[in-house]
C-alpha cells in the first residue's frame, strides 16, 4: 500500500470570485457590441453564454438597408479622423430612430446599416420615413461644420 498525501483545498477568496465575475461581465459586454441582445432574446436565450454553435430560429422579418450615397467620393476628401467623426455622427443620429421603431441593428457595413424588424413591415416603413426626417436635421447640423449634405438610399 502506498502513502497518499491529501492536500487541503484552499477556499477561493471572495475578491478573486468578484474579479472573475467582473471579467465574465466584461466579456459579455464585449460580445454585445457584435451580437445585439435582441438577437439573443429572439433565439430564446438569456445571454451569449447560452448560445451554442448551430443554434438558430426561423422567423419572418422585414429587413431595412440604408447607405450613404456617394460615400466614397465624400470620404476621399476627408482625413481618416474626419471620416471616423462623419460616420459616427451619422450613425449616432440614425441608431435611435431604428430602435424607437422596433428595429434591431444587425450590422454596420462601412457607411451602411442593416436592421431587422421582427414585428412588422409597417415598423420598417415608419423607420425609413423617420430616418429621412432625421437626415434633414442631421444635414442642417453638419452644414455648420462644413460638411456637404448627406444623401441616403433606403431599401425595405
Protein backbone atom coordinates (compact mmCIF):
# COMPACT_ATOMS: atom_id res chain seq x y z
CA UNK A 1 0.00 0.00 0.00
CA UNK A 2 1.35 3.43 -0.87
CA UNK A 3 1.06 6.54 1.16
CA UNK A 4 -1.34 9.03 -0.37
CA UNK A 5 -0.94 12.64 0.58
CA UNK A 6 -4.12 14.58 0.77
CA UNK A 7 -3.87 18.27 0.18
CA UNK A 8 -6.36 20.57 1.70
CA UNK A 9 -8.24 22.51 -0.97
CA UNK A 10 -8.00 26.18 -0.33
CA UNK A 11 -11.10 28.29 -0.34
CA UNK A 12 -11.15 30.78 -3.23
CA UNK A 13 -11.05 34.28 -1.76
CA UNK A 14 -14.14 36.45 -2.28
CA UNK A 15 -12.05 39.09 -4.07
CA UNK A 16 -10.96 36.51 -6.66
CA UNK A 17 -14.58 35.43 -7.23
CA UNK A 18 -15.62 39.08 -7.64
CA UNK A 19 -12.78 39.67 -10.11
CA UNK A 20 -13.81 36.57 -12.10
CA UNK A 21 -17.44 37.73 -12.15
CA UNK A 22 -16.35 41.17 -13.40
CA UNK A 23 -14.25 39.53 -16.13
CA UNK A 24 -17.22 37.48 -17.31
CA UNK A 25 -19.39 40.62 -17.35
CA UNK A 26 -16.78 42.43 -19.44
CA UNK A 27 -16.67 39.55 -21.92
CA UNK A 28 -20.47 39.51 -22.21
CA UNK A 29 -20.48 43.29 -22.72
CA UNK A 30 -17.81 42.94 -25.43
CA UNK A 31 -19.89 40.29 -27.22
CA UNK A 32 -22.95 42.53 -27.04
CA UNK A 33 -21.19 45.05 -29.26
CA UNK A 34 -21.13 42.43 -32.01
CA UNK A 35 -24.25 40.37 -31.26
CA UNK A 36 -27.25 42.51 -30.29
CA UNK A 37 -29.02 41.42 -27.11
CA UNK A 38 -32.31 41.47 -29.06
CA UNK A 39 -30.96 38.73 -31.37
CA UNK A 40 -30.09 36.59 -28.35
CA UNK A 41 -33.61 37.18 -26.98
CA UNK A 42 -35.20 36.29 -30.34
CA UNK A 43 -33.30 33.00 -30.16
CA UNK A 44 -34.93 32.32 -26.79
CA UNK A 45 -31.70 32.64 -24.84
CA UNK A 46 -30.83 34.74 -21.79
CA UNK A 47 -27.29 35.71 -22.75
CA UNK A 48 -24.49 34.97 -25.20
CA UNK A 49 -23.17 32.18 -22.96
CA UNK A 50 -26.41 30.25 -23.54
CA UNK A 51 -25.98 30.20 -27.33
CA UNK A 52 -24.38 27.11 -28.83
CA UNK A 53 -22.89 26.56 -32.25
CA UNK A 54 -25.71 25.73 -34.64
CA UNK A 55 -28.46 27.36 -32.57
CA UNK A 56 -30.95 29.03 -34.87
CA UNK A 57 -34.54 30.04 -35.31
CA UNK A 58 -36.69 30.60 -38.37
CA UNK A 59 -38.69 33.80 -38.32
CA UNK A 60 -40.18 36.05 -40.97
CA UNK A 61 -38.77 39.56 -40.59
CA UNK A 62 -38.54 42.76 -42.57
CA UNK A 63 -35.06 43.98 -43.44
CA UNK A 64 -34.20 47.66 -43.83
CA UNK A 65 -30.96 48.56 -45.54
CA UNK A 66 -29.62 52.11 -45.62
CA UNK A 67 -26.42 53.52 -47.03
CA UNK A 68 -24.86 56.91 -47.66
CA UNK A 69 -24.88 57.81 -51.36
CA UNK A 70 -21.51 58.69 -52.91
CA UNK A 71 -19.74 57.95 -49.63
CA UNK A 72 -16.51 57.03 -51.41
CA UNK A 73 -16.35 60.45 -53.08
CA UNK A 74 -17.15 62.19 -49.80
CA UNK A 75 -14.61 60.21 -47.82
CA UNK A 76 -11.78 60.76 -50.30
CA UNK A 77 -11.85 64.45 -49.39
CA UNK A 78 -11.59 63.77 -45.65
CA UNK A 79 -8.80 62.75 -43.34
CA UNK A 80 -9.21 59.38 -41.58
CA UNK A 81 -10.19 61.21 -38.39
CA UNK A 82 -12.78 63.30 -40.26
CA UNK A 83 -14.15 60.11 -41.85
CA UNK A 84 -14.49 58.47 -38.46
CA UNK A 85 -16.22 61.53 -37.00
CA UNK A 86 -18.51 61.87 -40.04
CA UNK A 87 -19.66 58.23 -39.97
CA UNK A 88 -20.08 58.19 -36.19
CA UNK A 89 -22.19 61.35 -36.17
CA UNK A 90 -24.44 59.87 -38.88
CA UNK A 91 -24.79 56.53 -37.06
CA UNK A 92 -25.44 58.29 -33.74
CA UNK A 93 -28.43 60.10 -35.22
CA UNK A 94 -29.85 57.05 -37.05
CA UNK A 95 -29.41 54.32 -34.42
CA UNK A 96 -32.05 55.73 -32.02
CA UNK A 97 -34.54 56.07 -34.90
CA UNK A 98 -34.18 52.37 -35.66
CA UNK A 99 -34.54 51.38 -32.00
CA UNK A 100 -37.60 53.65 -31.50
CA UNK A 101 -39.33 51.92 -34.37
CA UNK A 102 -38.75 48.38 -33.15
CA UNK A 103 -35.71 47.64 -35.28
CA UNK A 104 -32.60 45.68 -34.36
CA UNK A 105 -29.35 46.76 -35.97
CA UNK A 106 -27.88 43.55 -37.31
CA UNK A 107 -24.72 45.01 -38.79
CA UNK A 108 -22.83 48.03 -39.96
CA UNK A 109 -21.11 47.68 -43.31
CA UNK A 110 -18.93 50.73 -43.74
CA UNK A 111 -21.42 53.51 -44.41
CA UNK A 112 -24.42 51.17 -44.41
CA UNK A 113 -26.80 49.90 -41.75
CA UNK A 114 -28.75 46.65 -41.94
CA UNK A 115 -31.66 46.50 -39.50
CA UNK A 116 -34.17 43.75 -38.77
CA UNK A 117 -37.80 44.38 -37.90
CA UNK A 118 -39.22 41.21 -36.36
CA UNK A 119 -42.75 42.52 -35.70
CA UNK A 120 -44.00 44.16 -38.89
CA UNK A 121 -43.10 45.77 -42.18
CA UNK A 122 -45.04 48.85 -41.04
CA UNK A 123 -42.39 49.47 -38.37
CA UNK A 124 -39.66 49.37 -41.01
CA UNK A 125 -41.60 51.78 -43.22
CA UNK A 126 -42.18 54.20 -40.32
CA UNK A 127 -38.49 53.92 -39.50
CA UNK A 128 -37.45 54.76 -43.08
CA UNK A 129 -39.68 57.85 -43.08
CA UNK A 130 -38.34 58.97 -39.71
CA UNK A 131 -34.76 58.37 -40.92
CA UNK A 132 -35.39 60.78 -43.79
CA UNK A 133 -36.69 63.41 -41.34
CA UNK A 134 -33.70 62.80 -39.07
CA UNK A 135 -31.37 63.10 -42.06
CA UNK A 136 -32.78 66.56 -42.80
CA UNK A 137 -31.98 67.67 -39.22
CA UNK A 138 -28.56 65.99 -39.41
CA UNK A 139 -27.71 67.81 -42.63
CA UNK A 140 -28.52 71.17 -41.02
CA UNK A 141 -26.18 70.31 -38.17
CA UNK A 142 -23.25 69.11 -40.30
CA UNK A 143 -23.56 72.03 -42.71
CA UNK A 144 -22.39 74.25 -39.83
CA UNK A 145 -19.27 72.06 -39.60
CA UNK A 146 -18.53 72.48 -43.30
CA UNK A 147 -19.55 69.00 -44.44
CA UNK A 148 -21.66 68.53 -47.59
CA UNK A 149 -25.24 67.29 -47.11
CA UNK A 150 -25.67 63.54 -46.80
CA UNK A 151 -27.94 61.67 -49.17
CA UNK A 152 -29.02 58.14 -48.34
CA UNK A 153 -30.57 55.20 -50.09
CA UNK A 154 -33.15 53.11 -48.26
CA UNK A 155 -34.45 49.67 -49.14
CA UNK A 156 -37.02 47.60 -47.32
